[in-house]
Amino acid sequence: MDQPKNVISSNSTTVRTLYQSLSSGNRNISGLIASDLEWWFHGPQNCHHMMKMLTGESSPSDFKFQPRSMDAIDDDRVIVEGWEGAQVYWVHVWTLKDGVITQFREYFNTWLTVRDLRPLSLNCLTSTTLWQSHPQDLPQRSLPELMFAI
């Protein structure tokens, strides 16, 4: 189901505001994130950088999230991608409801493909790629790859 562009734009603005707040050290993000945020992580266990930022365990100087790309997909998700040199690559998938972040998926040093597996109709099953990792600085790097199906 297609949502109006203003909903997609609003979701991207919410996520962009979150990154700006965190990078400036502003910890007042409660209006952006649901109190019962669902969180999922894939990557090395010592790399829970965003969750540490969200819970206040770390400061913006501990790890800098500099988004390189931000894409709204479907009617409720925003995917943010970033990398720093050849050693660090991350993808964040944010799910929003009514302008509030309700779910967060963090993929650290992992390629990601997002596929839509919902049937178009009862008789038509298709699979469409909605988004795929595309880091410019890491094309030769070998990383595990996961598929996120919606």
N, C-alpha and C. Protein backbone atom coordinates (compact mmCIF):
# COMPACT_ATOMS: atom_id res chain seq x y z
N MET A 1 0.84 -1.17 0.00
CA MET A 1 0.00 0.00 0.00
C MET A 1 0.89 1.24 0.00
N ASP A 2 0.66 2.10 -0.94
CA ASP A 2 1.44 3.33 -1.03
C ASP A 2 0.92 4.35 -0.03
N GLN A 3 1.86 4.98 0.66
CA GLN A 3 1.52 6.05 1.59
C GLN A 3 1.82 7.38 0.93
N PRO A 4 1.15 8.42 1.36
CA PRO A 4 1.45 9.75 0.82
C PRO A 4 2.91 10.10 1.06
N LYS A 5 3.47 10.86 0.13
CA LYS A 5 4.88 11.25 0.24
C LYS A 5 5.17 12.01 1.53
N ASN A 6 4.17 12.73 2.06
CA ASN A 6 4.42 13.49 3.28
C ASN A 6 4.66 12.57 4.48
N VAL A 7 4.07 11.35 4.50
CA VAL A 7 4.32 10.39 5.57
C VAL A 7 5.74 9.88 5.46
N ILE A 8 6.17 9.51 4.25
CA ILE A 8 7.52 9.03 4.03
C ILE A 8 8.53 10.12 4.37
N SER A 9 8.27 11.35 3.95
CA SER A 9 9.15 12.47 4.24
C SER A 9 9.22 12.72 5.74
N SER A 10 8.08 12.63 6.42
CA SER A 10 8.04 12.83 7.86
C SER A 10 8.86 11.77 8.59
N ASN A 11 8.78 10.52 8.14
CA ASN A 11 9.57 9.45 8.74
C ASN A 11 11.06 9.70 8.57
N SER A 12 11.46 10.11 7.38
CA SER A 12 12.88 10.42 7.14
C SER A 12 13.33 11.59 8.01
N THR A 13 12.47 12.58 8.18
CA THR A 13 12.81 13.73 9.02
C THR A 13 12.99 13.30 10.47
N THR A 14 12.15 12.41 10.96
CA THR A 14 12.28 11.91 12.33
C THR A 14 13.62 11.22 12.53
N VAL A 15 13.98 10.35 11.59
CA VAL A 15 15.24 9.62 11.70
C VAL A 15 16.43 10.57 11.57
N ARG A 16 16.35 11.50 10.64
CA ARG A 16 17.43 12.49 10.47
C ARG A 16 17.60 13.32 11.76
N THR A 17 16.49 13.70 12.38
CA THR A 17 16.54 14.46 13.63
C THR A 17 17.21 13.64 14.73
N LEU A 18 16.95 12.34 14.76
CA LEU A 18 17.59 11.47 15.76
C LEU A 18 19.11 11.49 15.60
N TYR A 19 19.60 11.29 14.38
CA TYR A 19 21.06 11.31 14.16
C TYR A 19 21.66 12.67 14.51
N GLN A 20 20.99 13.74 14.14
CA GLN A 20 21.50 15.07 14.46
C GLN A 20 21.55 15.29 15.96
N SER A 21 20.52 14.85 16.67
CA SER A 21 20.48 14.99 18.12
C SER A 21 21.61 14.21 18.78
N LEU A 22 21.79 12.97 18.36
CA LEU A 22 22.84 12.14 18.95
C LEU A 22 24.23 12.68 18.66
N SER A 23 24.45 13.17 17.44
CA SER A 23 25.79 13.67 17.11
C SER A 23 26.12 14.96 17.84
N SER A 24 25.09 15.73 18.21
CA SER A 24 25.33 16.98 18.93
C SER A 24 25.38 16.77 20.44
N GLY A 25 25.13 15.54 20.89
CA GLY A 25 25.15 15.27 22.32
C GLY A 25 23.82 15.50 23.00
N ASN A 26 22.78 15.83 22.24
CA ASN A 26 21.45 16.06 22.79
C ASN A 26 20.82 14.71 23.12
N ARG A 27 20.62 14.44 24.40
CA ARG A 27 20.05 13.15 24.83
C ARG A 27 18.53 13.20 24.96
N ASN A 28 17.91 14.32 24.65
CA ASN A 28 16.47 14.45 24.76
C ASN A 28 15.82 13.93 23.47
N ILE A 29 15.74 12.62 23.36
CA ILE A 29 15.20 11.99 22.15
C ILE A 29 13.95 11.18 22.44
N SER A 30 13.40 11.32 23.64
CA SER A 30 12.27 10.50 24.07
C SER A 30 11.05 10.66 23.16
N GLY A 31 10.82 11.81 22.58
CA GLY A 31 9.68 11.99 21.69
C GLY A 31 9.85 11.34 20.34
N LEU A 32 11.08 10.93 20.02
CA LEU A 32 11.34 10.31 18.72
C LEU A 32 11.23 8.79 18.77
N ILE A 33 11.45 8.20 19.96
CA ILE A 33 11.54 6.74 20.10
C ILE A 33 10.50 6.25 21.10
N ALA A 34 9.82 5.17 20.75
CA ALA A 34 8.83 4.57 21.64
C ALA A 34 9.52 4.03 22.90
N SER A 35 8.84 4.07 24.01
CA SER A 35 9.42 3.58 25.26
C SER A 35 9.64 2.08 25.24
N ASP A 36 8.90 1.37 24.39
CA ASP A 36 9.07 -0.08 24.28
C ASP A 36 9.74 -0.46 22.95
N LEU A 37 10.76 0.30 22.58
CA LEU A 37 11.49 0.07 21.33
C LEU A 37 11.93 -1.38 21.21
N GLU A 38 11.61 -1.99 20.07
CA GLU A 38 12.09 -3.35 19.78
C GLU A 38 13.44 -3.20 19.07
N TRP A 39 14.46 -3.91 19.54
CA TRP A 39 15.80 -3.76 19.01
C TRP A 39 16.35 -5.12 18.61
N TRP A 40 17.07 -5.16 17.47
CA TRP A 40 17.68 -6.38 16.96
C TRP A 40 19.06 -6.00 16.42
N PHE A 41 20.07 -6.84 16.67
CA PHE A 41 21.44 -6.54 16.28
C PHE A 41 22.08 -7.74 15.60
N HIS A 42 22.87 -7.47 14.54
CA HIS A 42 23.70 -8.49 13.93
C HIS A 42 25.08 -7.90 13.69
N GLY A 43 26.10 -8.55 14.24
CA GLY A 43 27.47 -8.08 14.06
C GLY A 43 28.31 -8.50 15.25
N PRO A 44 29.55 -8.05 15.29
CA PRO A 44 30.44 -8.36 16.42
C PRO A 44 29.84 -7.84 17.73
N GLN A 45 29.92 -8.63 18.77
CA GLN A 45 29.27 -8.29 20.04
C GLN A 45 29.80 -7.01 20.68
N ASN A 46 31.00 -6.60 20.35
CA ASN A 46 31.53 -5.37 20.94
C ASN A 46 31.14 -4.12 20.13
N CYS A 47 30.23 -4.26 19.20
CA CYS A 47 29.87 -3.15 18.30
C CYS A 47 28.42 -2.69 18.45
N HIS A 48 27.86 -2.76 19.63
CA HIS A 48 26.50 -2.29 19.89
C HIS A 48 26.49 -0.77 20.06
N HIS A 49 27.10 -0.07 19.14
CA HIS A 49 27.32 1.37 19.29
C HIS A 49 26.03 2.18 19.36
N MET A 50 25.07 1.93 18.48
CA MET A 50 23.85 2.73 18.50
C MET A 50 23.04 2.48 19.77
N MET A 51 22.93 1.23 20.19
CA MET A 51 22.15 0.97 21.39
C MET A 51 22.80 1.64 22.61
N LYS A 52 24.13 1.66 22.65
CA LYS A 52 24.81 2.36 23.75
C LYS A 52 24.53 3.86 23.69
N MET A 53 24.43 4.39 22.49
CA MET A 53 24.10 5.82 22.35
C MET A 53 22.66 6.07 22.82
N LEU A 54 21.74 5.21 22.41
CA LEU A 54 20.34 5.40 22.76
C LEU A 54 20.07 5.26 24.25
N THR A 55 20.85 4.40 24.91
CA THR A 55 20.64 4.19 26.35
C THR A 55 21.50 5.10 27.21
N GLY A 56 22.38 5.90 26.58
CA GLY A 56 23.22 6.82 27.33
C GLY A 56 24.49 6.19 27.89
N GLU A 57 24.79 4.95 27.50
CA GLU A 57 26.02 4.28 27.97
C GLU A 57 27.28 4.86 27.33
N SER A 58 27.12 5.51 26.19
CA SER A 58 28.29 6.09 25.51
C SER A 58 27.96 7.51 25.08
N SER A 59 29.01 8.23 24.72
CA SER A 59 28.84 9.61 24.28
C SER A 59 29.10 9.69 22.78
N PRO A 60 28.72 10.81 22.15
CA PRO A 60 28.93 10.95 20.71
C PRO A 60 30.40 10.84 20.31
N SER A 61 31.31 11.07 21.24
CA SER A 61 32.73 10.96 20.89
C SER A 61 33.21 9.51 20.86
N ASP A 62 32.46 8.58 21.44
CA ASP A 62 32.85 7.17 21.44
C ASP A 62 32.74 6.54 20.05
N PHE A 63 31.70 6.89 19.32
CA PHE A 63 31.51 6.39 17.96
C PHE A 63 30.68 7.40 17.21
N LYS A 64 31.13 7.79 16.03
CA LYS A 64 30.43 8.79 15.22
C LYS A 64 29.62 8.10 14.13
N PHE A 65 28.31 8.26 14.19
CA PHE A 65 27.45 7.77 13.11
C PHE A 65 27.28 8.90 12.12
N GLN A 66 27.88 8.74 10.95
CA GLN A 66 27.74 9.73 9.88
C GLN A 66 27.02 9.05 8.72
N PRO A 67 25.71 9.25 8.63
CA PRO A 67 24.95 8.62 7.54
C PRO A 67 25.48 9.03 6.18
N ARG A 68 25.68 8.04 5.31
CA ARG A 68 26.10 8.30 3.92
C ARG A 68 24.91 8.25 2.98
N SER A 69 23.89 7.46 3.36
CA SER A 69 22.66 7.42 2.56
C SER A 69 21.48 7.17 3.49
N MET A 70 20.33 7.69 3.09
CA MET A 70 19.09 7.49 3.85
C MET A 70 17.98 7.29 2.83
N ASP A 71 17.28 6.16 2.95
CA ASP A 71 16.22 5.83 2.00
C ASP A 71 14.97 5.40 2.74
N ALA A 72 13.85 6.00 2.40
CA ALA A 72 12.56 5.57 2.93
C ALA A 72 12.04 4.47 2.03
N ILE A 73 11.65 3.35 2.63
CA ILE A 73 11.06 2.27 1.85
C ILE A 73 9.73 1.88 2.47
N ASP A 74 8.89 1.34 1.63
CA ASP A 74 7.57 0.95 2.07
C ASP A 74 6.91 2.17 2.71
N ASP A 75 5.99 1.98 3.61
CA ASP A 75 5.31 3.13 4.19
C ASP A 75 5.75 3.43 5.61
N ASP A 76 6.67 2.60 6.15
CA ASP A 76 6.99 2.81 7.57
C ASP A 76 8.46 2.55 7.92
N ARG A 77 9.34 2.41 6.94
CA ARG A 77 10.74 2.11 7.24
C ARG A 77 11.67 3.13 6.61
N VAL A 78 12.76 3.40 7.35
CA VAL A 78 13.82 4.25 6.84
C VAL A 78 15.12 3.48 7.04
N ILE A 79 15.91 3.36 5.97
CA ILE A 79 17.19 2.65 6.04
C ILE A 79 18.30 3.67 5.92
N VAL A 80 19.24 3.58 6.86
CA VAL A 80 20.38 4.50 6.90
C VAL A 80 21.64 3.66 6.82
N GLU A 81 22.58 4.12 5.99
CA GLU A 81 23.82 3.38 5.75
C GLU A 81 25.00 4.30 5.97
N GLY A 82 26.07 3.73 6.54
CA GLY A 82 27.28 4.52 6.74
C GLY A 82 28.51 3.64 6.80
N TRP A 83 29.66 4.24 6.55
CA TRP A 83 30.93 3.52 6.63
C TRP A 83 32.04 4.51 6.88
N GLU A 84 33.06 4.01 7.52
CA GLU A 84 34.24 4.82 7.82
C GLU A 84 35.46 4.01 7.38
N GLY A 85 36.07 4.38 6.29
CA GLY A 85 37.23 3.65 5.79
C GLY A 85 36.88 2.22 5.44
N ALA A 86 37.84 1.34 5.51
CA ALA A 86 37.62 -0.05 5.11
C ALA A 86 37.25 -0.96 6.27
N GLN A 87 37.21 -0.46 7.49
CA GLN A 87 36.99 -1.34 8.64
C GLN A 87 35.59 -1.28 9.25
N VAL A 88 34.86 -0.23 8.99
CA VAL A 88 33.56 -0.07 9.65
C VAL A 88 32.47 0.17 8.61
N TYR A 89 31.44 -0.67 8.66
CA TYR A 89 30.29 -0.52 7.78
C TYR A 89 29.04 -0.85 8.60
N TRP A 90 28.01 -0.03 8.50
CA TRP A 90 26.79 -0.28 9.26
C TRP A 90 25.55 0.09 8.46
N VAL A 91 24.45 -0.61 8.78
CA VAL A 91 23.14 -0.32 8.22
C VAL A 91 22.16 -0.31 9.38
N HIS A 92 21.32 0.71 9.42
CA HIS A 92 20.26 0.81 10.43
C HIS A 92 18.92 0.80 9.70
N VAL A 93 18.02 -0.05 10.16
CA VAL A 93 16.65 -0.09 9.63
C VAL A 93 15.72 0.35 10.75
N TRP A 94 15.08 1.48 10.56
CA TRP A 94 14.17 2.07 11.54
C TRP A 94 12.74 1.86 11.07
N THR A 95 11.88 1.38 11.95
CA THR A 95 10.46 1.23 11.64
C THR A 95 9.71 2.26 12.48
N LEU A 96 8.79 2.98 11.84
CA LEU A 96 8.06 4.05 12.51
C LEU A 96 6.56 3.81 12.43
N LYS A 97 5.89 4.25 13.46
CA LYS A 97 4.42 4.24 13.48
C LYS A 97 3.97 5.58 14.03
N ASP A 98 3.15 6.26 13.27
CA ASP A 98 2.65 7.58 13.66
C ASP A 98 3.79 8.54 14.00
N GLY A 99 4.90 8.46 13.24
CA GLY A 99 6.02 9.38 13.42
C GLY A 99 6.96 9.06 14.57
N VAL A 100 6.76 7.92 15.22
CA VAL A 100 7.61 7.52 16.34
C VAL A 100 8.33 6.21 15.98
N ILE A 101 9.61 6.13 16.31
CA ILE A 101 10.39 4.93 16.01
C ILE A 101 9.98 3.82 16.98
N THR A 102 9.53 2.69 16.42
CA THR A 102 9.05 1.57 17.24
C THR A 102 9.98 0.35 17.16
N GLN A 103 10.79 0.29 16.13
CA GLN A 103 11.69 -0.86 15.96
C GLN A 103 13.01 -0.39 15.36
N PHE A 104 14.09 -1.02 15.80
CA PHE A 104 15.42 -0.68 15.31
C PHE A 104 16.18 -1.96 15.03
N ARG A 105 16.72 -2.08 13.83
CA ARG A 105 17.57 -3.21 13.45
C ARG A 105 18.93 -2.65 13.07
N GLU A 106 19.98 -3.16 13.71
CA GLU A 106 21.34 -2.68 13.44
C GLU A 106 22.16 -3.82 12.87
N TYR A 107 22.76 -3.56 11.72
CA TYR A 107 23.64 -4.53 11.05
C TYR A 107 25.02 -3.89 11.00
N PHE A 108 25.97 -4.50 11.68
CA PHE A 108 27.32 -3.94 11.75
C PHE A 108 28.28 -4.87 11.02
N ASN A 109 29.01 -4.31 10.04
CA ASN A 109 29.91 -5.09 9.18
C ASN A 109 29.19 -6.28 8.56
N THR A 110 28.02 -5.99 8.00
CA THR A 110 27.17 -6.99 7.35
C THR A 110 26.50 -6.34 6.15
N TRP A 111 26.58 -7.00 4.97
CA TRP A 111 25.82 -6.52 3.81
C TRP A 111 24.35 -6.84 4.07
N LEU A 112 23.46 -6.02 3.54
CA LEU A 112 22.03 -6.23 3.77
C LEU A 112 21.26 -6.08 2.46
N THR A 113 20.31 -6.98 2.26
CA THR A 113 19.35 -6.88 1.17
C THR A 113 17.96 -6.91 1.79
N VAL A 114 17.10 -5.97 1.42
CA VAL A 114 15.73 -5.92 1.91
C VAL A 114 14.82 -6.35 0.78
N ARG A 115 14.03 -7.39 1.04
CA ARG A 115 13.15 -7.95 0.02
C ARG A 115 11.71 -7.92 0.51
N ASP A 116 10.81 -7.64 -0.40
CA ASP A 116 9.38 -7.65 -0.12
C ASP A 116 8.85 -9.02 -0.55
N LEU A 117 8.42 -9.82 0.40
CA LEU A 117 7.93 -11.17 0.11
C LEU A 117 6.41 -11.27 0.23
N ARG A 118 5.73 -10.14 0.38
CA ARG A 118 4.28 -10.18 0.49
C ARG A 118 3.67 -10.50 -0.87
N PRO A 119 2.64 -11.34 -0.88
CA PRO A 119 2.00 -11.66 -2.17
C PRO A 119 1.24 -10.46 -2.71
N LEU A 120 1.31 -10.30 -4.03
CA LEU A 120 0.54 -9.23 -4.67
C LEU A 120 -0.94 -9.57 -4.65
N SER A 121 -1.23 -10.85 -4.74
CA SER A 121 -2.61 -11.34 -4.66
C SER A 121 -2.53 -12.78 -4.19
N LEU A 122 -3.67 -13.41 -4.03
CA LEU A 122 -3.68 -14.80 -3.58
C LEU A 122 -3.00 -15.73 -4.56
N ASN A 123 -3.01 -15.39 -5.83
CA ASN A 123 -2.43 -16.26 -6.86
C ASN A 123 -1.07 -15.81 -7.36
N CYS A 124 -0.54 -14.74 -6.82
CA CYS A 124 0.69 -14.17 -7.36
C CYS A 124 1.71 -13.93 -6.25
N LEU A 125 2.69 -14.79 -6.17
CA LEU A 125 3.77 -14.62 -5.20
C LEU A 125 5.00 -14.12 -5.94
N THR A 126 5.52 -12.99 -5.52
CA THR A 126 6.72 -12.44 -6.12
C THR A 126 7.66 -11.99 -5.02
N SER A 127 8.88 -11.72 -5.41
CA SER A 127 9.87 -11.21 -4.47
C SER A 127 10.55 -10.02 -5.13
N THR A 128 10.48 -8.88 -4.49
CA THR A 128 11.05 -7.66 -5.04
C THR A 128 12.12 -7.13 -4.11
N THR A 129 13.27 -6.79 -4.66
CA THR A 129 14.31 -6.17 -3.85
C THR A 129 13.95 -4.70 -3.66
N LEU A 130 13.83 -4.28 -2.40
CA LEU A 130 13.49 -2.90 -2.09
C LEU A 130 14.73 -2.06 -1.82
N TRP A 131 15.78 -2.70 -1.31
CA TRP A 131 17.00 -1.97 -0.96
C TRP A 131 18.15 -2.96 -0.86
N GLN A 132 19.36 -2.48 -1.18
CA GLN A 132 20.55 -3.32 -1.08
C GLN A 132 21.74 -2.46 -0.67
N SER A 133 22.61 -3.03 0.18
CA SER A 133 23.81 -2.31 0.60
C SER A 133 24.58 -1.81 -0.61
N HIS A 134 25.10 -0.59 -0.49
CA HIS A 134 25.88 -0.04 -1.60
C HIS A 134 26.98 0.89 -1.12
N PRO A 135 27.88 0.38 -0.26
CA PRO A 135 28.97 1.24 0.22
C PRO A 135 30.02 1.47 -0.87
N GLN A 136 30.32 2.70 -1.13
CA GLN A 136 31.27 3.05 -2.18
C GLN A 136 32.71 2.70 -1.83
N ASP A 137 33.07 2.78 -0.54
CA ASP A 137 34.45 2.58 -0.14
C ASP A 137 34.82 1.11 0.11
N LEU A 138 33.83 0.20 0.07
CA LEU A 138 34.10 -1.18 0.47
C LEU A 138 33.74 -2.23 -0.58
N PRO A 139 33.85 -1.97 -1.87
CA PRO A 139 33.36 -2.95 -2.84
C PRO A 139 34.12 -4.28 -2.83
N GLN A 140 35.35 -4.28 -2.39
CA GLN A 140 36.14 -5.51 -2.40
C GLN A 140 36.12 -6.23 -1.05
N ARG A 141 35.47 -5.67 -0.07
CA ARG A 141 35.48 -6.26 1.27
C ARG A 141 34.51 -7.43 1.35
N SER A 142 34.92 -8.50 1.96
CA SER A 142 34.08 -9.67 2.15
C SER A 142 33.41 -9.59 3.53
N LEU A 143 32.09 -9.48 3.52
CA LEU A 143 31.32 -9.41 4.76
C LEU A 143 30.17 -10.40 4.67
N PRO A 144 29.67 -10.86 5.82
CA PRO A 144 28.47 -11.72 5.77
C PRO A 144 27.31 -10.93 5.20
N GLU A 145 26.37 -11.64 4.56
CA GLU A 145 25.22 -10.96 3.96
C GLU A 145 23.96 -11.56 4.52
N LEU A 146 23.01 -10.70 4.88
CA LEU A 146 21.72 -11.12 5.38
C LEU A 146 20.62 -10.54 4.51
N MET A 147 19.47 -11.22 4.52
CA MET A 147 18.30 -10.70 3.85
C MET A 147 17.25 -10.38 4.91
N PHE A 148 16.70 -9.18 4.84
CA PHE A 148 15.62 -8.74 5.71
C PHE A 148 14.35 -8.81 4.88
N ALA A 149 13.45 -9.70 5.24
CA ALA A 149 12.22 -9.91 4.46
C ALA A 149 11.04 -9.21 5.14
N ILE A 150 10.27 -8.49 4.32
CA ILE A 150 9.06 -7.86 4.84
C ILE A 150 7.88 -8.33 4.03
